[in-house]
């Protein structure tokens, strides 16, 4: 794989989660990085790392997302759930954009708040 292709796959790995989340109202954010991981894991260490990081990061945020949904069913916790959703959205968007920028430069990016499933 050429360096240009590797960078393209890396940027796609970082941006696939937020794009899928927007297109599916949040429900498919894990699918993009997972597909890219399986497509490039043996051909590009940089893209594999990006896809695994994006997937693991989104798993962590899915846990928070589920917690927010549980909280929404109690009247007192509705503001907390809304706050969690806003934080998830902002942090996720910023983190994926920073990852894509670093990936375009050919740099490795480590996501914060990861539940490490893929390596």
C-alpha atoms as a PDB file:
ATOM      1  CA  UNK A   1       0.000   0.000   0.000  1.00  0.00           C
ATOM      2  CA  UNK A   2       1.392   3.399  -0.939  1.00  0.00           C
ATOM      3  CA  UNK A   3       1.834   6.148   1.628  1.00  0.00           C
ATOM      4  CA  UNK A   4      -0.965   8.146  -0.004  1.00  0.00           C
ATOM      5  CA  UNK A   5      -3.382   5.203   0.197  1.00  0.00           C
ATOM      6  CA  UNK A   6      -2.379   4.565   3.791  1.00  0.00           C
ATOM      7  CA  UNK A   7      -3.142   8.160   4.748  1.00  0.00           C
ATOM      8  CA  UNK A   8      -6.480   8.036   2.928  1.00  0.00           C
ATOM      9  CA  UNK A   9      -7.510   4.867   4.789  1.00  0.00           C
ATOM     10  CA  UNK A  10      -6.333   6.423   8.047  1.00  0.00           C
ATOM     11  CA  UNK A  11      -8.450   9.551   7.545  1.00  0.00           C
ATOM     12  CA  UNK A  12     -11.431   7.381   6.562  1.00  0.00           C
ATOM     13  CA  UNK A  13     -10.956   5.306   9.704  1.00  0.00           C
ATOM     14  CA  UNK A  14     -11.098   8.417  11.864  1.00  0.00           C
ATOM     15  CA  UNK A  15     -14.030  10.040  10.043  1.00  0.00           C
ATOM     16  CA  UNK A  16     -16.117   6.929   9.355  1.00  0.00           C
ATOM     17  CA  UNK A  17     -17.553   6.891  12.883  1.00  0.00           C
ATOM     18  CA  UNK A  18     -18.932  10.460  12.957  1.00  0.00           C
ATOM     19  CA  UNK A  19     -20.178  10.183   9.362  1.00  0.00           C
ATOM     20  CA  UNK A  20     -21.967   6.912  10.132  1.00  0.00           C
ATOM     21  CA  UNK A  21     -23.331   8.398  13.359  1.00  0.00           C
ATOM     22  CA  UNK A  22     -24.833  11.363  11.506  1.00  0.00           C
ATOM     23  CA  UNK A  23     -26.317   9.187   8.764  1.00  0.00           C
ATOM     24  CA  UNK A  24     -27.800   6.679  11.213  1.00  0.00           C
ATOM     25  CA  UNK A  25     -28.764   8.945  14.136  1.00  0.00           C
ATOM     26  CA  UNK A  26     -25.880   7.527  16.149  1.00  0.00           C
ATOM     27  CA  UNK A  27     -26.657   3.852  15.838  1.00  0.00           C
ATOM     28  CA  UNK A  28     -23.940   2.780  13.372  1.00  0.00           C
ATOM     29  CA  UNK A  29     -20.902   4.675  14.635  1.00  0.00           C
ATOM     30  CA  UNK A  30     -19.111   1.406  15.397  1.00  0.00           C
ATOM     31  CA  UNK A  31     -19.601  -0.071  11.948  1.00  0.00           C
ATOM     32  CA  UNK A  32     -17.347   2.220   9.864  1.00  0.00           C
ATOM     33  CA  UNK A  33     -14.164   1.781  11.912  1.00  0.00           C
ATOM     34  CA  UNK A  34     -14.816  -1.962  12.236  1.00  0.00           C
ATOM     35  CA  UNK A  35     -15.153  -2.439   8.467  1.00  0.00           C
ATOM     36  CA  UNK A  36     -12.013  -0.407   7.797  1.00  0.00           C
ATOM     37  CA  UNK A  37     -10.146  -2.357  10.484  1.00  0.00           C
ATOM     38  CA  UNK A  38     -10.881  -5.663   8.752  1.00  0.00           C
ATOM     39  CA  UNK A  39     -10.080  -4.259   5.300  1.00  0.00           C
ATOM     40  CA  UNK A  40      -6.641  -2.813   6.126  1.00  0.00           C
ATOM     41  CA  UNK A  41      -5.410  -4.504   9.302  1.00  0.00           C
ATOM     42  CA  UNK A  42      -2.747  -6.568   7.532  1.00  0.00           C
ATOM     43  CA  UNK A  43      -1.711  -3.964   4.969  1.00  0.00           C
ATOM     44  CA  UNK A  44      -1.281  -0.782   7.003  1.00  0.00           C
ATOM     45  CA  UNK A  45      -0.276  -0.481  10.661  1.00  0.00           C
ATOM     46  CA  UNK A  46      -1.205   3.225  10.679  1.00  0.00           C
ATOM     47  CA  UNK A  47      -4.721   2.677   9.289  1.00  0.00           C
ATOM     48  CA  UNK A  48      -5.216  -0.394  11.510  1.00  0.00           C
ATOM     49  CA  UNK A  49      -4.273   1.656  14.564  1.00  0.00           C
ATOM     50  CA  UNK A  50      -6.639   4.459  13.516  1.00  0.00           C
ATOM     51  CA  UNK A  51      -9.563   2.095  12.899  1.00  0.00           C
ATOM     52  CA  UNK A  52      -8.986   0.183  16.142  1.00  0.00           C
ATOM     53  CA  UNK A  53      -8.696   3.418  18.117  1.00  0.00           C
ATOM     54  CA  UNK A  54     -11.845   4.874  16.566  1.00  0.00           C
ATOM     55  CA  UNK A  55     -13.762   1.655  17.245  1.00  0.00           C
ATOM     56  CA  UNK A  56     -12.566   1.397  20.861  1.00  0.00           C
ATOM     57  CA  UNK A  57     -13.296   5.080  21.480  1.00  0.00           C
ATOM     58  CA  UNK A  58     -16.820   4.686  20.131  1.00  0.00           C
ATOM     59  CA  UNK A  59     -17.442   1.614  22.286  1.00  0.00           C
ATOM     60  CA  UNK A  60     -16.633   3.763  25.326  1.00  0.00           C
ATOM     61  CA  UNK A  61     -19.038   6.438  24.178  1.00  0.00           C
ATOM     62  CA  UNK A  62     -21.729   3.854  23.437  1.00  0.00           C
ATOM     63  CA  UNK A  63     -21.589   2.865  27.107  1.00  0.00           C
ATOM     64  CA  UNK A  64     -22.174   6.506  28.092  1.00  0.00           C
ATOM     65  CA  UNK A  65     -24.908   6.780  25.472  1.00  0.00           C
ATOM     66  CA  UNK A  66     -26.759   3.805  26.988  1.00  0.00           C
ATOM     67  CA  UNK A  67     -26.357   5.281  30.486  1.00  0.00           C
ATOM     68  CA  UNK A  68     -27.914   8.516  29.224  1.00  0.00           C
ATOM     69  CA  UNK A  69     -30.864   6.584  27.789  1.00  0.00           C
ATOM     70  CA  UNK A  70     -31.385   4.847  31.121  1.00  0.00           C
ATOM     71  CA  UNK A  71     -31.272   8.215  32.887  1.00  0.00           C
ATOM     72  CA  UNK A  72     -33.805   9.754  30.497  1.00  0.00           C
ATOM     73  CA  UNK A  73     -36.499   7.496  31.954  1.00  0.00           C
ATOM     74  CA  UNK A  74     -36.292   9.235  35.301  1.00  0.00           C
ATOM     75  CA  UNK A  75     -37.718  12.738  35.338  1.00  0.00           C
ATOM     76  CA  UNK A  76     -35.020  14.070  37.654  1.00  0.00           C
ATOM     77  CA  UNK A  77     -32.177  12.795  35.464  1.00  0.00           C
ATOM     78  CA  UNK A  78     -33.415  14.192  32.133  1.00  0.00           C
ATOM     79  CA  UNK A  79     -31.088  17.231  32.358  1.00  0.00           C
ATOM     80  CA  UNK A  80     -28.179  14.923  33.196  1.00  0.00           C
ATOM     81  CA  UNK A  81     -28.946  12.716  30.192  1.00  0.00           C
ATOM     82  CA  UNK A  82     -29.139  15.718  27.876  1.00  0.00           C
ATOM     83  CA  UNK A  83     -25.830  17.020  29.251  1.00  0.00           C
ATOM     84  CA  UNK A  84     -24.204  13.614  28.683  1.00  0.00           C
ATOM     85  CA  UNK A  85     -25.453  13.542  25.082  1.00  0.00           C
ATOM     86  CA  UNK A  86     -24.078  17.029  24.430  1.00  0.00           C
ATOM     87  CA  UNK A  87     -20.696  16.152  25.921  1.00  0.00           C
ATOM     88  CA  UNK A  88     -20.575  12.919  23.905  1.00  0.00           C
ATOM     89  CA  UNK A  89     -21.340  14.811  20.697  1.00  0.00           C
ATOM     90  CA  UNK A  90     -18.814  17.615  21.228  1.00  0.00           C
ATOM     91  CA  UNK A  91     -15.953  15.447  22.521  1.00  0.00           C
ATOM     92  CA  UNK A  92     -16.514  12.824  19.843  1.00  0.00           C
ATOM     93  CA  UNK A  93     -16.598  15.361  17.002  1.00  0.00           C
ATOM     94  CA  UNK A  94     -13.470  17.168  18.167  1.00  0.00           C
ATOM     95  CA  UNK A  95     -11.552  13.960  18.821  1.00  0.00           C
ATOM     96  CA  UNK A  96     -12.375  12.412  15.439  1.00  0.00           C
ATOM     97  CA  UNK A  97     -11.437  15.615  13.603  1.00  0.00           C
ATOM     98  CA  UNK A  98      -8.099  15.847  15.433  1.00  0.00           C
ATOM     99  CA  UNK A  99      -7.470  12.173  14.643  1.00  0.00           C
ATOM    100  CA  UNK A 100      -8.244  12.737  10.954  1.00  0.00           C
ATOM    101  CA  UNK A 101      -5.888  15.724  10.788  1.00  0.00           C
ATOM    102  CA  UNK A 102      -3.073  13.749  12.387  1.00  0.00           C
ATOM    103  CA  UNK A 103      -3.820  10.777  10.153  1.00  0.00           C
ATOM    104  CA  UNK A 104      -3.605  12.986   7.062  1.00  0.00           C
ATOM    105  CA  UNK A 105      -0.101  13.937   8.226  1.00  0.00           C
ATOM    106  CA  UNK A 106       0.800  10.261   8.611  1.00  0.00           C
ATOM    107  CA  UNK A 107       0.938  10.491  12.408  1.00  0.00           C
ATOM    108  CA  UNK A 108      -0.426   8.019  14.928  1.00  0.00           C
ATOM    109  CA  UNK A 109      -3.242   9.300  17.137  1.00  0.00           C
ATOM    110  CA  UNK A 110      -4.262   7.796  20.471  1.00  0.00           C
ATOM    111  CA  UNK A 111      -7.902   8.248  21.407  1.00  0.00           C
ATOM    112  CA  UNK A 112      -8.718   9.077  25.025  1.00  0.00           C
ATOM    113  CA  UNK A 113     -11.323   7.118  27.006  1.00  0.00           C
ATOM    114  CA  UNK A 114     -10.885   3.809  25.186  1.00  0.00           C
ATOM    115  CA  UNK A 115     -12.231   0.429  26.157  1.00  0.00           C
ATOM    116  CA  UNK A 116      -9.586  -1.589  24.311  1.00  0.00           C
ATOM    117  CA  UNK A 117     -11.258  -4.310  22.282  1.00  0.00           C
ATOM    118  CA  UNK A 118      -9.411  -4.085  18.965  1.00  0.00           C
ATOM    119  CA  UNK A 119      -5.642  -3.684  18.931  1.00  0.00           C
END
